[in-house]
Amino acid sequence: MSVSFKAKRQMAGSSLLALALATTAGPNRVSAAAPALQCQPASLNLGQSIAIPTLVFCRTNSLVDQDAEPITAQKLLDISVQNSAYLKSQTALIDSAVYSLKSANGNWWPNVSMSNSSYLFVNNNGNNNPVTTGCNLSPSTSGKAFNPFNGSSNCSASSSYGQAYPVITITWNFINPSRYPQIAGAMKSVKLAQSQAKQSTQQLQMGVLKSYGSYLLSGYQLGELSRLIAIEQRILSTAKLLMKQGGLPRFALSQQTRNLLSYQARVEEALANQQQAYLELTTAMQKTSGDNPSILPDLNSLVLREWGYNMEESIQMAMARSEQLKQLELQKGIATDTANQTRGQILPTIGLLGYVTYQGTDANGVHTGLLSNYAGLQVTWNLFDGYMTKNQAISSDRQAKSYSDQLEAAKIQLRMQTKSKLQTLSNLKNQISIYLNDIKQAELIAEDLRSRQRFGITNQADVLQAEQALHESRLQLISSIGSYVVTYTELANLCGVNPLI
């Protein structure tokens, strides 16, 4: 495998550079490229049929807590789902849909209400001005002149009584064309809320897994880059010495400086990715307290798994388990039920209508009451409303047609995505095998050059170039592994498979 940076090493004065390297730095010298990093040996689990040499995992001191225990990806997923405020809101939406269904089922029962009910208290008080001899003990205007403000008469009368008049209405529509589609739509709304909650859970888990993998892979990249910087610093320090002695031109030193700056820039990028992934993981913990949770991902959680299904099986799983397809199907059904419910308002509604009234009077200690019952059939029929209800039904039909078309488009898109992920996964698997073979060949080259150096056949510069090529190959392998992990996670999410199993 040819690497572009090798051409940069072919410059004038390479023999003088090799001589200076041999005298200023031994082959086993270790240089701390990034003092803020803490590194440790680690291994990638690539399956039983694939083996890779031990790598170095690094992270910044700010992300290291000596008291923290390693947390597996599955445990972190469980904590994230349990503490997610957004998923709790989705659960509340499910409860809301369930109570809406209970409300729709209430249409089967009779409606009992109290209306036009009253309680009156009457108090009559005044003086009589009779036209005949004598006084009337009850204030009345029947056959008499009544003047309550005439106080000349010594004959007065008063009366008071209370009267209650409750009216209870009973309505029971036993034939209601709108009731059945309303209940059916409410049932689909419950399933829709459940599907949306499940999809949100899957999206949360996929995001956490991507952040988890990004954290680990960035650490492996930092390990390789720190070694490359250490090698480049050895080359640069010797190049400075040779340039002062006139053994190298100035542009050669500038080129070595550019190489070092390039590695440092890649370190900054890897550090930013690792810190961003760590922030996403701590956010996924959904801690409500002000304490910043400390997370120490388990290095053994990064496993490259084989996809155990062929293309047709994967597509069938994706079609059967896709929450997006389920939601579109449910939304289509809800729109159809809404249209049927609206059309039901055009048809007659037949039910039982009953009234229960009671008139009770309490006057001077005498209680009287009258209970009355009325019952009959009630027919409600919207004969004409300017086609308003009909047009509303047609509007819902068009929504159902739109969801049907969206469903077909989503199936085509899902089939294409599943095929694409499978193809990408296969290509990345082959790419990983190529890089593993390349690493093996790079190790053999570096080992041979070190042996030749001991006998003076080759120089130190060639050895360092071979070591750089080895670590560059490892970086390419790590990048391919990262792409494989992301693709596998996305494919598992499409097919409804747990990516950790």
Protein backbone atom coordinates (compact mmCIF):
# COMPACT_ATOMS: atom_id res chain seq x y z
CA MET A 1 0.00 0.00 0.00
CA SER A 2 1.42 3.39 -0.97
CA VAL A 3 1.07 6.24 1.49
CA SER A 4 1.34 9.84 0.28
CA PHE A 5 3.43 11.13 3.15
CA LYS A 6 6.26 8.73 2.20
CA ALA A 7 7.07 10.83 -0.79
CA LYS A 8 7.71 13.76 1.51
CA ARG A 9 10.53 11.87 3.14
CA GLN A 10 12.43 11.47 -0.13
CA MET A 11 14.62 14.54 0.07
CA ALA A 12 18.22 15.52 -0.28
CA GLY A 13 20.48 14.76 2.62
CA SER A 14 18.62 11.69 3.85
CA SER A 15 21.87 9.93 4.71
CA LEU A 16 23.00 12.82 6.91
CA LEU A 17 19.58 12.85 8.59
CA ALA A 18 19.82 9.13 9.27
CA LEU A 19 23.31 9.54 10.76
CA ALA A 20 22.14 12.31 13.07
CA LEU A 21 19.09 10.30 14.15
CA ALA A 22 21.29 7.35 15.02
CA THR A 23 23.40 9.54 17.30
CA THR A 24 20.66 11.63 18.94
CA ALA A 25 17.82 9.17 19.56
CA GLY A 26 17.62 5.46 20.18
CA PRO A 27 14.97 3.29 18.60
CA ASN A 28 13.26 2.64 21.95
CA ARG A 29 12.96 6.27 22.97
CA VAL A 30 9.44 7.31 24.05
CA SER A 31 8.34 10.93 23.78
CA ALA A 32 5.25 12.30 25.51
CA ALA A 33 3.47 14.02 22.67
CA ALA A 34 0.51 15.21 24.74
CA PRO A 35 1.16 15.59 28.49
CA ALA A 36 -2.59 16.17 29.07
CA LEU A 37 -3.40 12.66 27.87
CA GLN A 38 -3.68 9.48 29.90
CA CYS A 39 -3.10 6.35 27.83
CA GLN A 40 -3.38 2.63 28.42
CA PRO A 41 -3.09 -0.52 26.31
CA ALA A 42 -6.39 -1.76 24.92
CA SER A 43 -7.66 -4.26 22.39
CA LEU A 44 -10.42 -4.13 19.83
CA ASN A 45 -12.77 -7.09 19.75
CA LEU A 46 -13.19 -7.82 16.06
CA GLY A 47 -14.67 -11.29 16.39
CA GLN A 48 -13.19 -14.75 16.56
CA SER A 49 -11.96 -14.83 12.97
CA ILE A 50 -10.19 -11.45 13.06
CA ALA A 51 -7.26 -10.47 15.22
CA ILE A 52 -5.54 -7.11 15.64
CA PRO A 53 -2.47 -6.14 17.65
CA THR A 54 -2.90 -4.30 20.90
CA LEU A 55 -3.58 -0.59 20.47
CA VAL A 56 -3.31 2.36 22.84
CA PHE A 57 -6.38 4.16 24.17
CA CYS A 58 -5.97 7.77 25.31
CA ARG A 59 -8.23 10.37 26.86
CA THR A 60 -7.68 13.79 28.36
CA ASN A 61 -7.19 14.25 32.08
CA SER A 62 -10.47 16.17 32.30
CA LEU A 63 -12.35 13.03 31.24
CA VAL A 64 -10.64 10.77 33.77
CA ASP A 65 -12.09 10.05 37.20
CA GLN A 66 -10.11 7.57 39.26
CA ASP A 67 -13.17 6.71 41.38
CA ALA A 68 -15.48 6.03 38.43
CA GLU A 69 -16.21 2.44 37.51
CA PRO A 70 -16.42 1.38 33.85
CA ILE A 71 -19.99 1.43 32.57
CA THR A 72 -21.04 -0.86 29.75
CA ALA A 73 -22.96 0.36 26.76
CA GLN A 74 -26.07 -1.63 27.76
CA LYS A 75 -26.11 -0.17 31.26
CA LEU A 76 -25.69 3.33 29.90
CA LEU A 77 -28.60 2.71 27.52
CA ASP A 78 -30.82 1.53 30.38
CA ILE A 79 -29.99 4.58 32.50
CA SER A 80 -30.55 6.95 29.59
CA VAL A 81 -33.96 5.48 28.77
CA GLN A 82 -34.99 5.46 32.43
CA ASN A 83 -34.01 9.10 33.05
CA SER A 84 -35.07 10.59 29.71
CA ALA A 85 -37.53 13.43 30.28
CA TYR A 86 -38.56 13.28 26.63
CA LEU A 87 -39.51 9.60 26.87
CA LYS A 88 -41.51 10.40 30.00
CA SER A 89 -43.42 12.97 27.98
CA GLN A 90 -44.11 10.27 25.39
CA THR A 91 -45.55 8.06 28.15
CA ALA A 92 -47.84 10.92 29.16
CA LEU A 93 -49.05 11.15 25.55
CA ILE A 94 -49.86 7.43 25.62
CA ASP A 95 -51.92 7.95 28.79
CA SER A 96 -53.69 10.87 27.11
CA ALA A 97 -54.61 8.68 24.13
CA VAL A 98 -55.87 5.92 26.46
CA TYR A 99 -58.19 8.33 28.25
CA SER A 100 -59.40 9.67 24.90
CA LEU A 101 -60.33 6.09 24.00
CA LYS A 102 -62.21 5.72 27.30
CA SER A 103 -64.01 8.96 26.51
CA ALA A 104 -65.03 7.65 23.09
CA ASN A 105 -66.30 4.41 24.64
CA GLY A 106 -68.52 6.54 26.88
CA ASN A 107 -70.79 7.13 23.87
CA TRP A 108 -72.25 3.67 24.47
CA TRP A 109 -73.78 4.81 27.75
CA PRO A 110 -76.84 7.02 28.31
CA ASN A 111 -76.38 10.68 29.08
CA VAL A 112 -78.08 11.93 32.23
CA SER A 113 -78.17 15.64 32.93
CA MET A 114 -80.07 18.18 35.01
CA SER A 115 -81.31 21.30 33.27
CA ASN A 116 -83.85 24.11 33.77
CA SER A 117 -84.05 23.23 37.44
CA SER A 118 -84.91 25.79 40.08
CA TYR A 119 -85.82 26.41 43.69
CA LEU A 120 -88.02 29.42 44.46
CA PHE A 121 -88.81 31.06 47.79
CA VAL A 122 -91.84 33.38 47.67
CA ASN A 123 -92.77 35.87 50.41
CA ASN A 124 -95.85 38.07 50.00
CA ASN A 125 -96.46 40.89 52.48
CA GLY A 126 -98.92 43.88 52.37
CA ASN A 127 -102.05 45.69 53.55
CA ASN A 128 -105.55 45.04 52.26
CA ASN A 129 -107.86 47.77 51.03
CA PRO A 130 -110.98 45.66 50.66
CA VAL A 131 -114.05 46.84 48.72
CA THR A 132 -116.28 44.62 50.80
CA THR A 133 -116.66 44.28 54.47
CA GLY A 134 -113.96 42.23 56.13
CA CYS A 135 -110.36 41.37 55.44
CA ASN A 136 -108.87 38.74 53.19
CA LEU A 137 -106.23 36.74 55.09
CA SER A 138 -104.34 35.92 51.92
CA PRO A 139 -102.79 38.71 49.85
CA SER A 140 -104.46 38.53 46.50
CA THR A 141 -105.57 40.87 43.80
CA SER A 142 -108.41 38.67 42.63
CA GLY A 143 -111.64 40.69 42.85
CA LYS A 144 -110.16 43.35 45.07
CA ALA A 145 -108.12 46.48 44.89
CA PHE A 146 -104.78 45.75 46.45
CA ASN A 147 -102.51 48.53 47.65
CA PRO A 148 -99.54 47.35 49.66
CA PHE A 149 -98.61 50.96 50.48
CA ASN A 150 -101.98 51.85 51.95
CA GLY A 151 -101.44 51.77 55.65
CA SER A 152 -104.88 53.17 56.61
CA SER A 153 -106.36 49.73 57.00
CA ASN A 154 -105.80 47.87 60.17
CA CYS A 155 -106.24 44.63 58.33
CA SER A 156 -102.99 43.17 56.87
CA ALA A 157 -101.96 39.74 55.58
CA SER A 158 -98.81 37.88 54.49
CA SER A 159 -97.87 34.50 53.00
CA SER A 160 -94.68 32.60 52.07
CA TYR A 161 -93.85 29.29 50.45
CA GLY A 162 -90.91 27.41 48.81
CA GLN A 163 -91.05 25.53 45.54
CA ALA A 164 -88.45 23.09 44.02
CA TYR A 165 -88.57 22.18 40.34
CA PRO A 166 -85.78 19.78 39.24
CA VAL A 167 -85.72 18.55 35.63
CA ILE A 168 -83.61 15.49 34.74
CA THR A 169 -83.02 14.68 31.07
CA ILE A 170 -82.00 11.21 29.88
CA THR A 171 -80.67 10.73 26.34
CA TRP A 172 -79.53 7.37 24.94
CA ASN A 173 -78.64 7.20 21.27
CA PHE A 174 -78.71 3.49 20.49
CA ILE A 175 -78.27 4.16 16.74
CA ASN A 176 -75.37 6.55 16.16
CA PRO A 177 -73.44 6.14 12.88
CA SER A 178 -70.60 8.40 14.14
CA ARG A 179 -69.87 6.36 17.25
CA TYR A 180 -68.17 3.33 15.69
CA PRO A 181 -65.51 5.14 13.60
CA GLN A 182 -64.84 7.51 16.51
CA ILE A 183 -63.96 4.60 18.79
CA ALA A 184 -61.92 2.91 16.04
CA GLY A 185 -59.93 6.11 15.48
CA ALA A 186 -59.30 6.47 19.22
CA MET A 187 -57.95 2.91 19.36
CA LYS A 188 -55.56 3.66 16.51
CA SER A 189 -54.46 6.85 18.28
CA VAL A 190 -53.36 4.76 21.28
CA LYS A 191 -51.30 2.49 19.03
CA LEU A 192 -49.86 5.54 17.26
CA ALA A 193 -48.72 7.08 20.56
CA GLN A 194 -47.15 3.77 21.59
CA SER A 195 -45.33 3.48 18.26
CA GLN A 196 -44.03 7.05 18.51
CA ALA A 197 -42.74 6.36 22.03
CA LYS A 198 -40.97 3.20 20.83
CA GLN A 199 -39.42 5.07 17.91
CA SER A 200 -38.19 7.80 20.25
CA THR A 201 -36.61 5.15 22.46
CA GLN A 202 -34.84 3.61 19.47
CA GLN A 203 -33.55 7.00 18.34
CA LEU A 204 -32.27 7.77 21.84
CA GLN A 205 -30.49 4.43 22.04
CA MET A 206 -28.94 4.84 18.61
CA GLY A 207 -27.66 8.30 19.53
CA VAL A 208 -26.15 7.02 22.78
CA LEU A 209 -24.46 4.10 21.00
CA LYS A 210 -22.98 6.40 18.37
CA SER A 211 -21.61 8.71 21.06
CA TYR A 212 -20.27 5.73 22.99
CA GLY A 213 -18.48 4.37 19.94
CA SER A 214 -17.20 7.84 18.98
CA TYR A 215 -15.69 8.25 22.44
CA LEU A 216 -13.84 4.93 22.25
CA LEU A 217 -12.69 5.28 18.64
CA SER A 218 -11.43 8.83 19.26
CA GLY A 219 -9.38 7.42 22.13
CA TYR A 220 -7.77 4.86 19.83
CA GLN A 221 -7.04 7.58 17.28
CA LEU A 222 -5.38 9.68 19.97
CA GLY A 223 -3.19 6.71 20.87
CA GLU A 224 -1.91 6.31 17.34
CA LEU A 225 -1.54 10.05 16.75
CA SER A 226 0.46 10.47 19.95
CA ARG A 227 2.92 7.87 18.64
CA LEU A 228 3.10 9.59 15.26
CA ILE A 229 3.80 12.93 16.94
CA ALA A 230 6.55 11.36 19.03
CA ILE A 231 8.20 9.97 15.88
CA GLU A 232 7.80 13.25 14.00
CA GLN A 233 9.29 15.22 16.89
CA ARG A 234 12.38 13.03 16.74
CA ILE A 235 12.67 13.67 13.03
CA LEU A 236 12.09 17.40 13.45
CA SER A 237 14.64 17.87 16.23
CA THR A 238 17.30 16.12 14.16
CA ALA A 239 16.33 18.09 11.05
CA LYS A 240 16.88 21.34 13.00
CA LEU A 241 20.36 20.17 13.99
CA LEU A 242 21.25 19.20 10.42
CA MET A 243 19.96 22.48 9.03
CA LYS A 244 22.19 24.42 11.43
CA GLN A 245 25.11 22.31 10.27
CA GLY A 246 24.17 22.93 6.63
CA GLY A 247 23.30 19.32 5.97
CA LEU A 248 19.66 20.02 5.06
CA PRO A 249 17.99 22.87 3.19
CA ARG A 250 15.46 25.07 5.00
CA PHE A 251 12.47 23.81 3.01
CA ALA A 252 13.14 20.29 4.36
CA LEU A 253 12.77 21.59 7.93
CA SER A 254 9.60 23.46 6.96
CA GLN A 255 8.18 20.28 5.48
CA GLN A 256 8.88 18.36 8.68
CA THR A 257 7.24 21.17 10.66
CA ARG A 258 4.19 20.93 8.45
CA ASN A 259 4.02 17.21 9.07
CA LEU A 260 4.07 17.78 12.82
CA LEU A 261 1.43 20.51 12.61
CA SER A 262 -0.75 18.19 10.55
CA TYR A 263 -0.59 15.52 13.26
CA GLN A 264 -1.29 18.09 15.97
CA ALA A 265 -4.35 19.30 14.06
CA ARG A 266 -5.60 15.73 13.82
CA VAL A 267 -5.06 15.36 17.56
CA GLU A 268 -7.18 18.44 18.20
CA GLU A 269 -9.90 17.03 15.98
CA ALA A 270 -9.84 13.70 17.82
CA LEU A 271 -9.89 15.49 21.17
CA ALA A 272 -12.89 17.57 20.09
CA ASN A 273 -14.74 14.44 18.94
CA GLN A 274 -14.00 12.66 22.20
CA GLN A 275 -15.07 15.61 24.34
CA GLN A 276 -18.23 16.07 22.29
CA ALA A 277 -19.06 12.38 22.64
CA TYR A 278 -18.43 12.56 26.38
CA LEU A 279 -20.75 15.57 26.67
CA GLU A 280 -23.45 13.70 24.76
CA LEU A 281 -23.08 10.69 27.05
CA THR A 282 -23.34 12.77 30.22
CA THR A 283 -26.36 14.56 28.77
CA ALA A 284 -27.97 11.22 28.00
CA MET A 285 -27.75 10.39 31.71
CA GLN A 286 -30.40 13.12 32.21
CA LYS A 287 -29.22 14.06 35.69
CA THR A 288 -31.58 16.56 37.30
CA SER A 289 -29.08 17.57 39.99
CA GLY A 290 -26.34 20.08 39.43
CA ASP A 291 -23.57 17.49 39.72
CA ASN A 292 -21.81 16.57 36.51
CA PRO A 293 -21.95 12.76 36.24
CA SER A 294 -18.65 11.00 35.68
CA ILE A 295 -18.70 8.34 32.98
CA LEU A 296 -15.96 5.84 32.28
CA PRO A 297 -16.95 3.82 29.20
CA ASP A 298 -15.92 0.19 29.19
CA LEU A 299 -13.21 -0.41 26.58
CA ASN A 300 -14.45 -3.95 26.03
CA SER A 301 -17.88 -2.72 24.90
CA LEU A 302 -16.67 -1.96 21.40
CA VAL A 303 -17.31 -5.18 19.48
CA LEU A 304 -17.56 -5.68 15.74
CA ARG A 305 -20.43 -8.08 15.21
CA GLU A 306 -21.32 -10.05 12.14
CA TRP A 307 -24.71 -9.33 10.59
CA GLY A 308 -26.48 -12.68 10.68
CA TYR A 309 -29.21 -12.11 8.08
CA ASN A 310 -29.21 -12.09 4.32
CA MET A 311 -30.65 -9.27 2.23
CA GLU A 312 -34.18 -10.65 1.86
CA GLU A 313 -34.45 -11.49 5.57
CA SER A 314 -33.17 -8.04 6.49
CA ILE A 315 -35.68 -6.31 4.22
CA GLN A 316 -38.56 -8.36 5.62
CA MET A 317 -37.50 -7.54 9.18
CA ALA A 318 -37.22 -3.86 8.32
CA MET A 319 -40.69 -3.82 6.75
CA ALA A 320 -42.30 -5.71 9.62
CA ARG A 321 -40.63 -3.78 12.47
CA SER A 322 -40.39 -0.28 11.08
CA GLU A 323 -42.16 2.11 13.44
CA GLN A 324 -42.33 4.70 10.67
CA LEU A 325 -44.36 2.36 8.46
CA LYS A 326 -46.61 1.46 11.39
CA GLN A 327 -47.25 5.12 12.11
CA LEU A 328 -48.11 5.94 8.51
CA GLU A 329 -50.49 2.97 8.40
CA LEU A 330 -52.15 4.12 11.64
CA GLN A 331 -52.37 7.73 10.47
CA LYS A 332 -54.00 6.53 7.27
CA GLY A 333 -56.53 4.53 9.31
CA ILE A 334 -57.24 7.48 11.63
CA ALA A 335 -57.92 9.73 8.64
CA THR A 336 -60.29 7.10 7.20
CA ASP A 337 -62.10 6.77 10.54
CA THR A 338 -62.40 10.55 10.74
CA ALA A 339 -63.99 10.61 7.29
CA ASN A 340 -66.46 7.88 8.28
CA GLN A 341 -67.25 9.68 11.52
CA THR A 342 -67.96 12.89 9.61
CA ARG A 343 -70.22 11.08 7.14
CA GLY A 344 -72.07 9.55 10.08
CA GLN A 345 -73.19 13.03 11.04
CA ILE A 346 -75.19 13.18 7.80
CA LEU A 347 -77.17 10.05 8.69
CA PRO A 348 -80.00 10.12 11.25
CA THR A 349 -79.30 9.49 14.90
CA ILE A 350 -82.04 7.63 16.77
CA GLY A 351 -82.22 7.44 20.52
CA LEU A 352 -84.34 7.44 23.63
CA LEU A 353 -85.28 10.79 25.13
CA GLY A 354 -86.76 11.01 28.62
CA TYR A 355 -87.59 13.70 31.13
CA VAL A 356 -88.18 13.34 34.85
CA THR A 357 -89.63 16.40 36.62
CA TYR A 358 -90.73 16.98 40.17
CA GLN A 359 -92.59 20.00 41.49
CA GLY A 360 -92.61 20.27 45.25
CA THR A 361 -94.15 23.09 47.29
CA ASP A 362 -93.82 23.82 50.98
CA ALA A 363 -96.36 26.44 52.20
CA ASN A 364 -97.06 27.03 55.85
CA GLY A 365 -95.90 23.56 56.78
CA VAL A 366 -97.95 21.86 54.11
CA HIS A 367 -95.93 19.81 51.59
CA THR A 368 -97.24 19.03 48.13
CA GLY A 369 -95.42 17.34 45.24
CA LEU A 370 -95.96 16.29 41.67
CA LEU A 371 -93.70 13.77 39.88
CA SER A 372 -93.91 13.63 36.08
CA ASN A 373 -92.17 11.26 33.64
CA TYR A 374 -91.87 11.71 29.87
CA ALA A 375 -90.31 9.24 27.45
CA GLY A 376 -90.10 8.91 23.68
CA LEU A 377 -87.88 8.48 20.64
CA GLN A 378 -85.62 11.23 19.43
CA VAL A 379 -84.51 11.46 15.81
CA THR A 380 -81.81 13.90 14.76
CA TRP A 381 -81.13 14.24 11.05
CA ASN A 382 -79.01 16.90 9.42
CA LEU A 383 -80.91 17.20 6.14
CA PHE A 384 -78.86 19.99 4.59
CA ASP A 385 -75.91 22.06 5.80
CA GLY A 386 -74.59 23.53 2.59
CA TYR A 387 -72.43 20.42 1.92
CA MET A 388 -70.18 21.44 4.83
CA THR A 389 -70.11 17.97 6.41
CA LYS A 390 -69.66 16.24 3.06
CA ASN A 391 -66.66 18.39 2.19
CA GLN A 392 -65.09 17.74 5.58
CA ALA A 393 -65.40 14.00 4.92
CA ILE A 394 -63.79 14.40 1.50
CA SER A 395 -60.95 16.37 3.10
CA SER A 396 -60.27 13.47 5.49
CA ASP A 397 -60.37 11.06 2.54
CA ARG A 398 -57.64 13.10 0.85
CA GLN A 399 -55.54 12.94 4.00
CA ALA A 400 -55.91 9.16 4.04
CA LYS A 401 -54.82 9.05 0.40
CA SER A 402 -51.79 11.21 1.23
CA TYR A 403 -50.76 8.87 4.06
CA SER A 404 -51.23 5.90 1.73
CA ASP A 405 -48.87 7.43 -0.83
CA GLN A 406 -46.39 8.33 1.91
CA LEU A 407 -46.52 4.73 3.11
CA GLU A 408 -45.64 3.38 -0.34
CA ALA A 409 -42.80 5.90 -0.69
CA ALA A 410 -41.49 5.01 2.77
CA LYS A 411 -41.47 1.30 1.90
CA ILE A 412 -39.41 1.99 -1.22
CA GLN A 413 -37.04 4.21 0.75
CA LEU A 414 -36.71 1.66 3.57
CA ARG A 415 -35.92 -1.12 1.11
CA MET A 416 -33.26 1.04 -0.51
CA GLN A 417 -31.75 2.06 2.86
CA THR A 418 -31.58 -1.55 4.03
CA LYS A 419 -29.84 -2.66 0.84
CA SER A 420 -27.46 0.30 1.04
CA LYS A 421 -26.52 -0.41 4.67
CA LEU A 422 -25.93 -4.09 3.90
CA GLN A 423 -23.72 -3.21 0.94
CA THR A 424 -21.81 -0.62 2.95
CA LEU A 425 -21.35 -3.08 5.78
CA SER A 426 -19.96 -5.68 3.38
CA ASN A 427 -17.59 -3.14 1.82
CA LEU A 428 -16.36 -1.97 5.22
CA LYS A 429 -15.78 -5.56 6.30
CA ASN A 430 -13.60 -6.12 3.23
CA GLN A 431 -11.86 -2.81 3.88
CA ILE A 432 -11.07 -3.83 7.44
CA SER A 433 -9.59 -7.09 6.23
CA ILE A 434 -7.41 -5.18 3.75
CA TYR A 435 -6.16 -2.80 6.44
CA LEU A 436 -5.43 -5.71 8.78
CA ASN A 437 -3.33 -7.30 6.06
CA ASP A 438 -1.69 -3.94 5.40
CA ILE A 439 -0.82 -3.60 9.10
CA LYS A 440 0.72 -7.05 9.09
CA GLN A 441 2.88 -6.17 6.09
CA ALA A 442 3.82 -2.82 7.63
CA GLU A 443 4.90 -4.58 10.83
CA LEU A 444 7.07 -6.99 8.82
CA ILE A 445 8.66 -4.07 6.96
CA ALA A 446 9.40 -2.19 10.20
CA GLU A 447 10.80 -5.32 11.83
CA ASP A 448 13.04 -6.05 8.85
CA LEU A 449 14.31 -2.48 8.73
CA ARG A 450 15.10 -2.52 12.44
CA SER A 451 17.05 -5.74 11.94
CA ARG A 452 18.91 -4.26 8.96
CA GLN A 453 19.66 -1.15 11.00
CA ARG A 454 21.39 -3.21 13.68
CA PHE A 455 23.76 -4.50 11.02
CA GLY A 456 24.19 -1.07 9.47
CA ILE A 457 22.52 -2.01 6.21
CA THR A 458 19.84 0.67 6.48
CA ASN A 459 19.43 3.92 8.43
CA GLN A 460 17.23 5.24 11.21
CA ALA A 461 15.19 7.43 8.86
CA ASP A 462 13.89 4.40 6.99
CA VAL A 463 12.91 2.77 10.29
CA LEU A 464 10.98 5.83 11.42
CA GLN A 465 9.24 6.08 8.07
CA ALA A 466 8.19 2.42 8.36
CA GLU A 467 6.87 3.03 11.88
CA GLN A 468 4.93 6.04 10.67
CA ALA A 469 3.44 3.96 7.86
CA LEU A 470 2.41 1.33 10.42
CA HIS A 471 0.58 3.84 12.64
CA GLU A 472 -1.05 5.50 9.64
CA SER A 473 -2.40 2.10 8.62
CA ARG A 474 -3.75 1.62 12.13
CA LEU A 475 -5.46 5.00 11.93
CA GLN A 476 -7.10 3.99 8.68
CA LEU A 477 -8.21 0.74 10.28
CA ILE A 478 -9.71 2.61 13.25
CA SER A 479 -11.57 4.92 10.87
CA SER A 480 -13.02 1.95 9.00
CA ILE A 481 -13.98 0.31 12.28
CA GLY A 482 -15.80 3.49 13.30
CA SER A 483 -17.74 3.54 10.04
CA TYR A 484 -18.55 -0.16 10.46
CA VAL A 485 -19.91 0.39 13.99
CA VAL A 486 -22.09 3.30 12.88
CA THR A 487 -23.40 1.41 9.84
CA TYR A 488 -24.13 -1.70 11.90
CA THR A 489 -26.01 0.37 14.49
CA GLU A 490 -28.08 2.11 11.81
CA LEU A 491 -28.87 -1.19 10.08
CA ALA A 492 -29.90 -2.76 13.39
CA ASN A 493 -32.15 0.22 14.06
CA LEU A 494 -33.78 -0.14 10.64
CA CYS A 495 -34.44 -3.84 11.21
CA GLY A 496 -35.51 -3.50 14.84
CA VAL A 497 -32.57 -5.53 16.19
CA ASN A 498 -30.66 -4.83 19.38
CA PRO A 499 -27.17 -3.82 18.14
CA LEU A 500 -25.57 -5.03 21.38
CA ILE A 501 -26.65 -8.64 20.93
